Amino acid sequence: QDFVDNRQEVLALLANYDHIRLALHGHVHANTLTTQHGIPFVSTAAAGEFPMHWREVAVYDCEIHLTTHAIDAPVLLEKSRMRETRSGRNDIKVGPRVANLLRLRTCG
């Protein structure tokens, strides 16, 4: 559900390259992680959107670290949380724990 409408075309294109280790994207209003064809796809919500996080990506010789950090603004966080009225939606926006701390090996 966090993919573009032409996701099959995108996945087919990415399958042509064996060096792709991670796909990052946004604009789905949630922090999510899914894997397609061995490639982790990580979505990141806007920093002003509940849960008000930002992502740090560190690239090393044989590893990629993706760490989620909370923005320390309790009043704004509460306002952002209250804007969402659909039941359970804020839990989805937070994302699974694994989506918020990711370590990928990029070498054999």
PDB file of N, CA and C in Angstrom:
ATOM      1  N   GLN A   1       0.803  -1.201   0.000  1.00  0.00           N
ATOM      2  CA  GLN A   1       0.000   0.000   0.000  1.00  0.00           C
ATOM      3  C   GLN A   1       0.847   1.267   0.000  1.00  0.00           C
ATOM      4  N   ASP A   2       2.119   1.167   0.300  1.00  0.00           N
ATOM      5  CA  ASP A   2       2.985   2.343   0.327  1.00  0.00           C
ATOM      6  C   ASP A   2       3.753   2.517  -0.974  1.00  0.00           C
ATOM      7  N   PHE A   3       3.234   1.984  -2.049  1.00  0.00           N
ATOM      8  CA  PHE A   3       3.918   2.067  -3.326  1.00  0.00           C
ATOM      9  C   PHE A   3       3.148   2.942  -4.298  1.00  0.00           C
ATOM     10  N   VAL A   4       3.837   3.407  -5.301  1.00  0.00           N
ATOM     11  CA  VAL A   4       3.198   4.185  -6.362  1.00  0.00           C
ATOM     12  C   VAL A   4       2.300   3.270  -7.187  1.00  0.00           C
ATOM     13  N   ASP A   5       1.419   3.892  -7.961  1.00  0.00           N
ATOM     14  CA  ASP A   5       0.466   3.113  -8.763  1.00  0.00           C
ATOM     15  C   ASP A   5       1.157   2.169  -9.740  1.00  0.00           C
ATOM     16  N   ASN A   6       2.306   2.570 -10.288  1.00  0.00           N
ATOM     17  CA  ASN A   6       3.020   1.723 -11.248  1.00  0.00           C
ATOM     18  C   ASN A   6       4.129   0.911 -10.561  1.00  0.00           C
ATOM     19  N   ARG A   7       3.826   0.438  -9.362  1.00  0.00           N
ATOM     20  CA  ARG A   7       4.829  -0.285  -8.566  1.00  0.00           C
ATOM     21  C   ARG A   7       5.398  -1.509  -9.282  1.00  0.00           C
ATOM     22  N   GLN A   8       4.609  -2.192 -10.063  1.00  0.00           N
ATOM     23  CA  GLN A   8       5.117  -3.369 -10.766  1.00  0.00           C
ATOM     24  C   GLN A   8       6.204  -2.973 -11.762  1.00  0.00           C
ATOM     25  N   GLU A   9       5.999  -1.859 -12.447  1.00  0.00           N
ATOM     26  CA  GLU A   9       7.028  -1.357 -13.371  1.00  0.00           C
ATOM     27  C   GLU A   9       8.290  -0.953 -12.617  1.00  0.00           C
ATOM     28  N   VAL A  10       8.119  -0.287 -11.484  1.00  0.00           N
ATOM     29  CA  VAL A  10       9.264   0.138 -10.681  1.00  0.00           C
ATOM     30  C   VAL A  10      10.027  -1.084 -10.165  1.00  0.00           C
ATOM     31  N   LEU A  11       9.317  -2.060  -9.637  1.00  0.00           N
ATOM     32  CA  LEU A  11       9.973  -3.277  -9.138  1.00  0.00           C
ATOM     33  C   LEU A  11      10.693  -4.019 -10.255  1.00  0.00           C
ATOM     34  N   ALA A  12      10.085  -4.081 -11.434  1.00  0.00           N
ATOM     35  CA  ALA A  12      10.734  -4.740 -12.577  1.00  0.00           C
ATOM     36  C   ALA A  12      12.012  -4.003 -12.964  1.00  0.00           C
ATOM     37  N   LEU A  13      11.981  -2.689 -12.928  1.00  0.00           N
ATOM     38  CA  LEU A  13      13.164  -1.895 -13.241  1.00  0.00           C
ATOM     39  C   LEU A  13      14.264  -2.131 -12.202  1.00  0.00           C
ATOM     40  N   LEU A  14      13.905  -2.093 -10.928  1.00  0.00           N
ATOM     41  CA  LEU A  14      14.896  -2.302  -9.866  1.00  0.00           C
ATOM     42  C   LEU A  14      15.493  -3.711  -9.907  1.00  0.00           C
ATOM     43  N   ALA A  15      14.714  -4.670 -10.373  1.00  0.00           N
ATOM     44  CA  ALA A  15      15.204  -6.052 -10.443  1.00  0.00           C
ATOM     45  C   ALA A  15      16.374  -6.194 -11.415  1.00  0.00           C
ATOM     46  N   ASN A  16      16.570  -5.226 -12.291  1.00  0.00           N
ATOM     47  CA  ASN A  16      17.684  -5.262 -13.233  1.00  0.00           C
ATOM     48  C   ASN A  16      19.026  -4.910 -12.598  1.00  0.00           C
ATOM     49  N   TYR A  17      19.002  -4.448 -11.364  1.00  0.00           N
ATOM     50  CA  TYR A  17      20.219  -3.973 -10.709  1.00  0.00           C
ATOM     51  C   TYR A  17      20.437  -4.713  -9.401  1.00  0.00           C
ATOM     52  N   ASP A  18      21.577  -5.370  -9.274  1.00  0.00           N
ATOM     53  CA  ASP A  18      21.838  -6.154  -8.062  1.00  0.00           C
ATOM     54  C   ASP A  18      22.516  -5.345  -6.958  1.00  0.00           C
ATOM     55  N   HIS A  19      22.795  -4.077  -7.195  1.00  0.00           N
ATOM     56  CA  HIS A  19      23.481  -3.267  -6.194  1.00  0.00           C
ATOM     57  C   HIS A  19      22.529  -2.419  -5.343  1.00  0.00           C
ATOM     58  N   ILE A  20      21.235  -2.460  -5.587  1.00  0.00           N
ATOM     59  CA  ILE A  20      20.279  -1.670  -4.810  1.00  0.00           C
ATOM     60  C   ILE A  20      20.039  -2.361  -3.479  1.00  0.00           C
ATOM     61  N   ARG A  21      20.293  -1.638  -2.395  1.00  0.00           N
ATOM     62  CA  ARG A  21      20.183  -2.199  -1.048  1.00  0.00           C
ATOM     63  C   ARG A  21      19.047  -1.619  -0.234  1.00  0.00           C
ATOM     64  N   LEU A  22      18.544  -0.442  -0.643  1.00  0.00           N
ATOM     65  CA  LEU A  22      17.530   0.246   0.144  1.00  0.00           C
ATOM     66  C   LEU A  22      16.804   1.254  -0.737  1.00  0.00           C
ATOM     67  N   ALA A  23      15.497   1.367  -0.553  1.00  0.00           N
ATOM     68  CA  ALA A  23      14.706   2.391  -1.238  1.00  0.00           C
ATOM     69  C   ALA A  23      14.012   3.237  -0.175  1.00  0.00           C
ATOM     70  N   LEU A  24      14.267   4.537  -0.217  1.00  0.00           N
ATOM     71  CA  LEU A  24      13.657   5.472   0.725  1.00  0.00           C
ATOM     72  C   LEU A  24      12.636   6.329  -0.013  1.00  0.00           C
ATOM     73  N   HIS A  25      11.508   6.561   0.626  1.00  0.00           N
ATOM     74  CA  HIS A  25      10.516   7.444   0.032  1.00  0.00           C
ATOM     75  C   HIS A  25       9.639   8.046   1.120  1.00  0.00           C
ATOM     76  N   GLY A  26       8.848   9.008   0.748  1.00  0.00           N
ATOM     77  CA  GLY A  26       7.973   9.678   1.705  1.00  0.00           C
ATOM     78  C   GLY A  26       6.612   9.922   1.109  1.00  0.00           C
ATOM     79  N   HIS A  27       5.886  10.830   1.735  1.00  0.00           N
ATOM     80  CA  HIS A  27       4.577  11.292   1.318  1.00  0.00           C
ATOM     81  C   HIS A  27       3.479  10.247   1.487  1.00  0.00           C
ATOM     82  N   VAL A  28       3.663   9.312   2.385  1.00  0.00           N
ATOM     83  CA  VAL A  28       2.572   8.386   2.698  1.00  0.00           C
ATOM     84  C   VAL A  28       2.050   8.617   4.111  1.00  0.00           C
ATOM     85  N   HIS A  29       2.568   9.634   4.785  1.00  0.00           N
ATOM     86  CA  HIS A  29       2.091  10.040   6.108  1.00  0.00           C
ATOM     87  C   HIS A  29       2.247   8.946   7.156  1.00  0.00           C
ATOM     88  N   ALA A  30       3.251   8.103   6.990  1.00  0.00           N
ATOM     89  CA  ALA A  30       3.503   7.040   7.958  1.00  0.00           C
ATOM     90  C   ALA A  30       4.956   6.598   7.848  1.00  0.00           C
ATOM     91  N   ASN A  31       5.453   6.009   8.927  1.00  0.00           N
ATOM     92  CA  ASN A  31       6.777   5.397   8.923  1.00  0.00           C
ATOM     93  C   ASN A  31       6.570   3.898   8.750  1.00  0.00           C
ATOM     94  N   THR A  32       6.984   3.377   7.618  1.00  0.00           N
ATOM     95  CA  THR A  32       6.737   1.968   7.330  1.00  0.00           C
ATOM     96  C   THR A  32       7.988   1.292   6.790  1.00  0.00           C
ATOM     97  N   LEU A  33       7.947  -0.015   6.822  1.00  0.00           N
ATOM     98  CA  LEU A  33       9.012  -0.839   6.252  1.00  0.00           C
ATOM     99  C   LEU A  33       8.364  -2.060   5.626  1.00  0.00           C
ATOM    100  N   THR A  34       8.700  -2.301   4.380  1.00  0.00           N
ATOM    101  CA  THR A  34       8.278  -3.518   3.706  1.00  0.00           C
ATOM    102  C   THR A  34       9.428  -3.960   2.810  1.00  0.00           C
ATOM    103  N   THR A  35       9.457  -5.212   2.451  1.00  0.00           N
ATOM    104  CA  THR A  35      10.518  -5.728   1.585  1.00  0.00           C
ATOM    105  C   THR A  35       9.880  -6.333   0.340  1.00  0.00           C
ATOM    106  N   GLN A  36      10.394  -5.948  -0.810  1.00  0.00           N
ATOM    107  CA  GLN A  36       9.948  -6.491  -2.090  1.00  0.00           C
ATOM    108  C   GLN A  36      11.172  -6.920  -2.873  1.00  0.00           C
ATOM    109  N   HIS A  37      11.201  -8.172  -3.300  1.00  0.00           N
ATOM    110  CA  HIS A  37      12.321  -8.701  -4.092  1.00  0.00           C
ATOM    111  C   HIS A  37      13.659  -8.491  -3.386  1.00  0.00           C
ATOM    112  N   GLY A  38      13.644  -8.635  -2.053  1.00  0.00           N
ATOM    113  CA  GLY A  38      14.869  -8.505  -1.272  1.00  0.00           C
ATOM    114  C   GLY A  38      15.323  -7.085  -1.003  1.00  0.00           C
ATOM    115  N   ILE A  39      14.573  -6.092  -1.438  1.00  0.00           N
ATOM    116  CA  ILE A  39      14.928  -4.686  -1.226  1.00  0.00           C
ATOM    117  C   ILE A  39      14.015  -4.102  -0.148  1.00  0.00           C
ATOM    118  N   PRO A  40      14.587  -3.590   0.943  1.00  0.00           N
ATOM    119  CA  PRO A  40      13.752  -2.902   1.940  1.00  0.00           C
ATOM    120  C   PRO A  40      13.275  -1.561   1.385  1.00  0.00           C
ATOM    121  N   PHE A  41      11.993  -1.299   1.501  1.00  0.00           N
ATOM    122  CA  PHE A  41      11.390  -0.020   1.123  1.00  0.00           C
ATOM    123  C   PHE A  41      10.948   0.663   2.412  1.00  0.00           C
ATOM    124  N   VAL A  42      11.522   1.813   2.679  1.00  0.00           N
ATOM    125  CA  VAL A  42      11.248   2.540   3.914  1.00  0.00           C
ATOM    126  C   VAL A  42      10.562   3.845   3.570  1.00  0.00           C
ATOM    127  N   SER A  43       9.395   4.075   4.158  1.00  0.00           N
ATOM    128  CA  SER A  43       8.714   5.355   3.966  1.00  0.00           C
ATOM    129  C   SER A  43       8.857   6.184   5.232  1.00  0.00           C
ATOM    130  N   THR A  44       8.912   7.475   5.030  1.00  0.00           N
ATOM    131  CA  THR A  44       9.083   8.401   6.143  1.00  0.00           C
ATOM    132  C   THR A  44       8.003   9.466   6.071  1.00  0.00           C
ATOM    133  N   ALA A  45       7.303   9.648   7.175  1.00  0.00           N
ATOM    134  CA  ALA A  45       6.296  10.705   7.251  1.00  0.00           C
ATOM    135  C   ALA A  45       6.988  12.063   7.368  1.00  0.00           C
ATOM    136  N   ALA A  46       6.258  13.116   7.075  1.00  0.00           N
ATOM    137  CA  ALA A  46       6.793  14.467   7.247  1.00  0.00           C
ATOM    138  C   ALA A  46       7.091  14.708   8.727  1.00  0.00           C
ATOM    139  N   ALA A  47       8.102  15.508   8.994  1.00  0.00           N
ATOM    140  CA  ALA A  47       8.504  15.769  10.381  1.00  0.00           C
ATOM    141  C   ALA A  47       7.378  16.428  11.183  1.00  0.00           C
ATOM    142  N   GLY A  48       6.501  17.177  10.535  1.00  0.00           N
ATOM    143  CA  GLY A  48       5.399  17.826  11.229  1.00  0.00           C
ATOM    144  C   GLY A  48       4.177  16.945  11.400  1.00  0.00           C
ATOM    145  N   GLU A  49       4.219  15.771  10.828  1.00  0.00           N
ATOM    146  CA  GLU A  49       3.111  14.809  10.899  1.00  0.00           C
ATOM    147  C   GLU A  49       3.353  13.888  12.094  1.00  0.00           C
ATOM    148  N   PHE A  50       2.288  13.552  12.851  1.00  0.00           N
ATOM    149  CA  PHE A  50       2.445  12.601  13.946  1.00  0.00           C
ATOM    150  C   PHE A  50       3.115  11.346  13.405  1.00  0.00           C
ATOM    151  N   PRO A  51       4.152  10.839  14.024  1.00  0.00           N
ATOM    152  CA  PRO A  51       4.655  11.061  15.374  1.00  0.00           C
ATOM    153  C   PRO A  51       5.804  12.071  15.482  1.00  0.00           C
ATOM    154  N   MET A  52       5.966  12.944  14.488  1.00  0.00           N
ATOM    155  CA  MET A  52       6.978  13.998  14.500  1.00  0.00           C
ATOM    156  C   MET A  52       8.386  13.426  14.696  1.00  0.00           C
ATOM    157  N   HIS A  53       8.792  12.641  13.726  1.00  0.00           N
ATOM    158  CA  HIS A  53      10.122  12.029  13.695  1.00  0.00           C
ATOM    159  C   HIS A  53      10.897  12.531  12.487  1.00  0.00           C
ATOM    160  N   TRP A  54      12.197  12.365  12.543  1.00  0.00           N
ATOM    161  CA  TRP A  54      13.042  12.555  11.366  1.00  0.00           C
ATOM    162  C   TRP A  54      13.996  11.374  11.308  1.00  0.00           C
ATOM    163  N   ARG A  55      14.483  11.081  10.127  1.00  0.00           N
ATOM    164  CA  ARG A  55      15.341   9.913   9.924  1.00  0.00           C
ATOM    165  C   ARG A  55      16.762  10.327   9.601  1.00  0.00           C
ATOM    166  N   GLU A  56      17.681   9.662  10.227  1.00  0.00           N
ATOM    167  CA  GLU A  56      19.108   9.838   9.953  1.00  0.00           C
ATOM    168  C   GLU A  56      19.574   8.623   9.164  1.00  0.00           C
ATOM    169  N   VAL A  57      20.216   8.853   8.033  1.00  0.00           N
ATOM    170  CA  VAL A  57      20.754   7.767   7.223  1.00  0.00           C
ATOM    171  C   VAL A  57      22.271   7.917   7.213  1.00  0.00           C
ATOM    172  N   ALA A  58      22.953   6.887   7.676  1.00  0.00           N
ATOM    173  CA  ALA A  58      24.419   6.882   7.683  1.00  0.00           C
ATOM    174  C   ALA A  58      24.877   5.750   6.771  1.00  0.00           C
ATOM    175  N   VAL A  59      25.742   6.069   5.820  1.00  0.00           N
ATOM    176  CA  VAL A  59      26.234   5.090   4.858  1.00  0.00           C
ATOM    177  C   VAL A  59      27.701   4.812   5.159  1.00  0.00           C
ATOM    178  N   TYR A  60      28.015   3.560   5.412  1.00  0.00           N
ATOM    179  CA  TYR A  60      29.376   3.117   5.692  1.00  0.00           C
ATOM    180  C   TYR A  60      29.834   2.175   4.579  1.00  0.00           C
ATOM    181  N   ASP A  61      31.076   1.728   4.660  1.00  0.00           N
ATOM    182  CA  ASP A  61      31.611   0.852   3.618  1.00  0.00           C
ATOM    183  C   ASP A  61      30.733  -0.371   3.376  1.00  0.00           C
ATOM    184  N   CYS A  62      30.311  -1.034   4.428  1.00  0.00           N
ATOM    185  CA  CYS A  62      29.540  -2.270   4.264  1.00  0.00           C
ATOM    186  C   CYS A  62      28.232  -2.283   5.044  1.00  0.00           C
ATOM    187  N   GLU A  63      27.747  -1.113   5.420  1.00  0.00           N
ATOM    188  CA  GLU A  63      26.502  -1.048   6.176  1.00  0.00           C
ATOM    189  C   GLU A  63      25.784   0.267   5.922  1.00  0.00           C
ATOM    190  N   ILE A  64      24.472   0.214   6.040  1.00  0.00           N
ATOM    191  CA  ILE A  64      23.638   1.409   6.042  1.00  0.00           C
ATOM    192  C   ILE A  64      22.859   1.382   7.349  1.00  0.00           C
ATOM    193  N   HIS A  65      22.906   2.489   8.082  1.00  0.00           N
ATOM    194  CA  HIS A  65      22.145   2.622   9.323  1.00  0.00           C
ATOM    195  C   HIS A  65      21.052   3.654   9.104  1.00  0.00           C
ATOM    196  N   LEU A  66      19.850   3.300   9.449  1.00  0.00           N
ATOM    197  CA  LEU A  66      18.734   4.218   9.391  1.00  0.00           C
ATOM    198  C   LEU A  66      18.172   4.305  10.806  1.00  0.00           C
ATOM    199  N   THR A  67      18.224   5.495  11.391  1.00  0.00           N
ATOM    200  CA  THR A  67      17.785   5.693  12.764  1.00  0.00           C
ATOM    201  C   THR A  67      16.721   6.777  12.793  1.00  0.00           C
ATOM    202  N   THR A  68      15.643   6.519  13.497  1.00  0.00           N
ATOM    203  CA  THR A  68      14.566   7.489  13.635  1.00  0.00           C
ATOM    204  C   THR A  68      14.744   8.257  14.936  1.00  0.00           C
ATOM    205  N   HIS A  69      14.588   9.573  14.847  1.00  0.00           N
ATOM    206  CA  HIS A  69      14.713  10.443  16.014  1.00  0.00           C
ATOM    207  C   HIS A  69      13.408  11.208  16.216  1.00  0.00           C
ATOM    208  N   ALA A  70      12.988  11.325  17.459  1.00  0.00           N
ATOM    209  CA  ALA A  70      11.792  12.100  17.781  1.00  0.00           C
ATOM    210  C   ALA A  70      12.148  13.576  17.898  1.00  0.00           C
ATOM    211  N   ILE A  71      11.238  14.423  17.479  1.00  0.00           N
ATOM    212  CA  ILE A  71      11.389  15.855  17.666  1.00  0.00           C
ATOM    213  C   ILE A  71      10.838  16.196  19.048  1.00  0.00           C
ATOM    214  N   ASP A  72      11.628  16.880  19.837  1.00  0.00           N
ATOM    215  CA  ASP A  72      11.240  17.209  21.208  1.00  0.00           C
ATOM    216  C   ASP A  72      10.373  18.470  21.215  1.00  0.00           C
ATOM    217  N   ALA A  73       9.095  18.287  21.000  1.00  0.00           N
ATOM    218  CA  ALA A  73       8.133  19.393  20.995  1.00  0.00           C
ATOM    219  C   ALA A  73       6.790  18.849  21.476  1.00  0.00           C
ATOM    220  N   PRO A  74       6.650  18.594  22.787  1.00  0.00           N
ATOM    221  CA  PRO A  74       5.458  17.913  23.306  1.00  0.00           C
ATOM    222  C   PRO A  74       4.127  18.577  22.947  1.00  0.00           C
ATOM    223  N   VAL A  75       4.062  19.891  22.969  1.00  0.00           N
ATOM    224  CA  VAL A  75       2.799  20.574  22.661  1.00  0.00           C
ATOM    225  C   VAL A  75       2.428  20.356  21.196  1.00  0.00           C
ATOM    226  N   LEU A  76       3.403  20.510  20.300  1.00  0.00           N
ATOM    227  CA  LEU A  76       3.139  20.284  18.879  1.00  0.00           C
ATOM    228  C   LEU A  76       2.815  18.822  18.596  1.00  0.00           C
ATOM    229  N   LEU A  77       3.501  17.909  19.294  1.00  0.00           N
ATOM    230  CA  LEU A  77       3.228  16.486  19.130  1.00  0.00           C
ATOM    231  C   LEU A  77       1.785  16.171  19.486  1.00  0.00           C
ATOM    232  N   GLU A  78       1.306  16.721  20.592  1.00  0.00           N
ATOM    233  CA  GLU A  78      -0.073  16.472  21.011  1.00  0.00           C
ATOM    234  C   GLU A  78      -1.058  17.057  19.998  1.00  0.00           C
ATOM    235  N   LYS A  79      -0.790  18.248  19.497  1.00  0.00           N
ATOM    236  CA  LYS A  79      -1.666  18.835  18.471  1.00  0.00           C
ATOM    237  C   LYS A  79      -1.693  17.970  17.219  1.00  0.00           C
ATOM    238  N   SER A  80      -0.530  17.464  16.827  1.00  0.00           N
ATOM    239  CA  SER A  80      -0.443  16.605  15.650  1.00  0.00           C
ATOM    240  C   SER A  80      -1.203  15.297  15.875  1.00  0.00           C
ATOM    241  N   ARG A  81      -1.059  14.741  17.070  1.00  0.00           N
ATOM    242  CA  ARG A  81      -1.757  13.491  17.405  1.00  0.00           C
ATOM    243  C   ARG A  81      -3.269  13.691  17.356  1.00  0.00           C
ATOM    244  N   MET A  82      -3.736  14.819  17.862  1.00  0.00           N
ATOM    245  CA  MET A  82      -5.179  15.078  17.939  1.00  0.00           C
ATOM    246  C   MET A  82      -5.801  15.373  16.568  1.00  0.00           C
ATOM    247  N   ARG A  83      -5.001  15.793  15.589  1.00  0.00           N
ATOM    248  CA  ARG A  83      -5.546  16.058  14.244  1.00  0.00           C
ATOM    249  C   ARG A  83      -6.088  14.795  13.588  1.00  0.00           C
ATOM    250  N   GLU A  84      -5.485  13.649  13.935  1.00  0.00           N
ATOM    251  CA  GLU A  84      -5.919  12.383  13.321  1.00  0.00           C
ATOM    252  C   GLU A  84      -7.089  11.825  14.107  1.00  0.00           C
ATOM    253  N   THR A  85      -8.240  11.696  13.459  1.00  0.00           N
ATOM    254  CA  THR A  85      -9.445  11.235  14.147  1.00  0.00           C
ATOM    255  C   THR A  85      -9.813   9.788  13.807  1.00  0.00           C
ATOM    256  N   ARG A  86      -9.123   9.191  12.848  1.00  0.00           N
ATOM    257  CA  ARG A  86      -9.453   7.809  12.474  1.00  0.00           C
ATOM    258  C   ARG A  86      -8.835   6.843  13.487  1.00  0.00           C
ATOM    259  N   SER A  87      -9.615   5.959  13.996  1.00  0.00           N
ATOM    260  CA  SER A  87      -9.183   5.014  15.027  1.00  0.00           C
ATOM    261  C   SER A  87      -8.003   4.166  14.560  1.00  0.00           C
ATOM    262  N   GLY A  88      -6.954   4.110  15.385  1.00  0.00           N
ATOM    263  CA  GLY A  88      -5.791   3.268  15.106  1.00  0.00           C
ATOM    264  C   GLY A  88      -4.808   3.854  14.111  1.00  0.00           C
ATOM    265  N   ARG A  89      -5.149   4.974  13.495  1.00  0.00           N
ATOM    266  CA  ARG A  89      -4.293   5.527  12.434  1.00  0.00           C
ATOM    267  C   ARG A  89      -2.954   6.038  12.976  1.00  0.00           C
ATOM    268  N   ASN A  90      -2.939   6.612  14.182  1.00  0.00           N
ATOM    269  CA  ASN A  90      -1.675   7.092  14.734  1.00  0.00           C
ATOM    270  C   ASN A  90      -0.707   5.951  15.007  1.00  0.00           C
ATOM    271  N   ASP A  91      -1.220   4.784  15.384  1.00  0.00           N
ATOM    272  CA  ASP A  91      -0.347   3.616  15.578  1.00  0.00           C
ATOM    273  C   ASP A  91       0.320   3.225  14.262  1.00  0.00           C
ATOM    274  N   ILE A  92      -0.435   3.309  13.180  1.00  0.00           N
ATOM    275  CA  ILE A  92       0.121   3.002  11.860  1.00  0.00           C
ATOM    276  C   ILE A  92       1.195   4.021  11.497  1.00  0.00           C
ATOM    277  N   LYS A  93       0.945   5.286  11.814  1.00  0.00           N
ATOM    278  CA  LYS A  93       1.898   6.340  11.484  1.00  0.00           C
ATOM    279  C   LYS A  93       3.231   6.159  12.205  1.00  0.00           C
ATOM    280  N   VAL A  94       3.194   5.650  13.424  1.00  0.00           N
ATOM    281  CA  VAL A  94       4.436   5.428  14.174  1.00  0.00           C
ATOM    282  C   VAL A  94       5.283   4.386  13.464  1.00  0.00           C
ATOM    283  N   GLY A  95       4.643   3.364  12.938  1.00  0.00           N
ATOM    284  CA  GLY A  95       5.363   2.317  12.217  1.00  0.00           C
ATOM    285  C   GLY A  95       5.895   1.253  13.147  1.00  0.00           C
ATOM    286  N   PRO A  96       6.294   0.133  12.573  1.00  0.00           N
ATOM    287  CA  PRO A  96       6.843  -0.951  13.382  1.00  0.00           C
ATOM    288  C   PRO A  96       8.211  -0.563  13.937  1.00  0.00           C
ATOM    289  N   ARG A  97       8.544  -1.100  15.070  1.00  0.00           N
ATOM    290  CA  ARG A  97       9.823  -0.780  15.710  1.00  0.00           C
ATOM    291  C   ARG A  97      10.999  -0.994  14.757  1.00  0.00           C
ATOM    292  N   VAL A  98      10.951  -2.057  13.986  1.00  0.00           N
ATOM    293  CA  VAL A  98      12.053  -2.359  13.060  1.00  0.00           C
ATOM    294  C   VAL A  98      12.207  -1.277  11.991  1.00  0.00           C
ATOM    295  N   ALA A  99      11.129  -0.567  11.669  1.00  0.00           N
ATOM    296  CA  ALA A  99      11.220   0.507  10.670  1.00  0.00           C
ATOM    297  C   ALA A  99      11.900   1.746  11.239  1.00  0.00           C
ATOM    298  N   ASN A 100      12.061   1.792  12.546  1.00  0.00           N
ATOM    299  CA  ASN A 100      12.620   2.968  13.187  1.00  0.00           C
ATOM    300  C   ASN A 100      14.073   2.797  13.616  1.00  0.00           C
ATOM    301  N   LEU A 101      14.627   1.622  13.435  1.00  0.00           N
ATOM    302  CA  LEU A 101      16.053   1.373  13.675  1.00  0.00           C
ATOM    303  C   LEU A 101      16.452   0.227  12.757  1.00  0.00           C
ATOM    304  N   LEU A 102      17.113   0.564  11.676  1.00  0.00           N
ATOM    305  CA  LEU A 102      17.406  -0.415  10.642  1.00  0.00           C
ATOM    306  C   LEU A 102      18.900  -0.456  10.374  1.00  0.00           C
ATOM    307  N   ARG A 103      19.480  -1.647  10.333  1.00  0.00           N
ATOM    308  CA  ARG A 103      20.883  -1.853  10.004  1.00  0.00           C
ATOM    309  C   ARG A 103      20.934  -2.835   8.840  1.00  0.00           C
ATOM    310  N   LEU A 104      21.495  -2.407   7.722  1.00  0.00           N
ATOM    311  CA  LEU A 104      21.576  -3.266   6.541  1.00  0.00           C
ATOM    312  C   LEU A 104      23.021  -3.540   6.187  1.00  0.00           C
ATOM    313  N   ARG A 105      23.355  -4.807   6.000  1.00  0.00           N
ATOM    314  CA  ARG A 105      24.681  -5.174   5.491  1.00  0.00           C
ATOM    315  C   ARG A 105      24.660  -5.005   3.981  1.00  0.00           C
ATOM    316  N   THR A 106      25.692  -4.370   3.447  1.00  0.00           N
ATOM    317  CA  THR A 106      25.720  -4.121   2.009  1.00  0.00           C
ATOM    318  C   THR A 106      26.861  -4.857   1.323  1.00  0.00           C
ATOM    319  N   CYS A 107      27.687  -5.551   2.089  1.00  0.00           N
ATOM    320  CA  CYS A 107      28.773  -6.344   1.521  1.00  0.00           C
ATOM    321  C   CYS A 107      28.549  -7.807   1.858  1.00  0.00           C
ATOM    322  N   GLY A 108      29.098  -8.677   1.039  1.00  0.00           N
ATOM    323  CA  GLY A 108      28.973 -10.113   1.220  1.00  0.00           C
ATOM    324  C   GLY A 108      29.260 -10.575   2.570  1.00  0.00           C
TER     325      GLY A 108
END
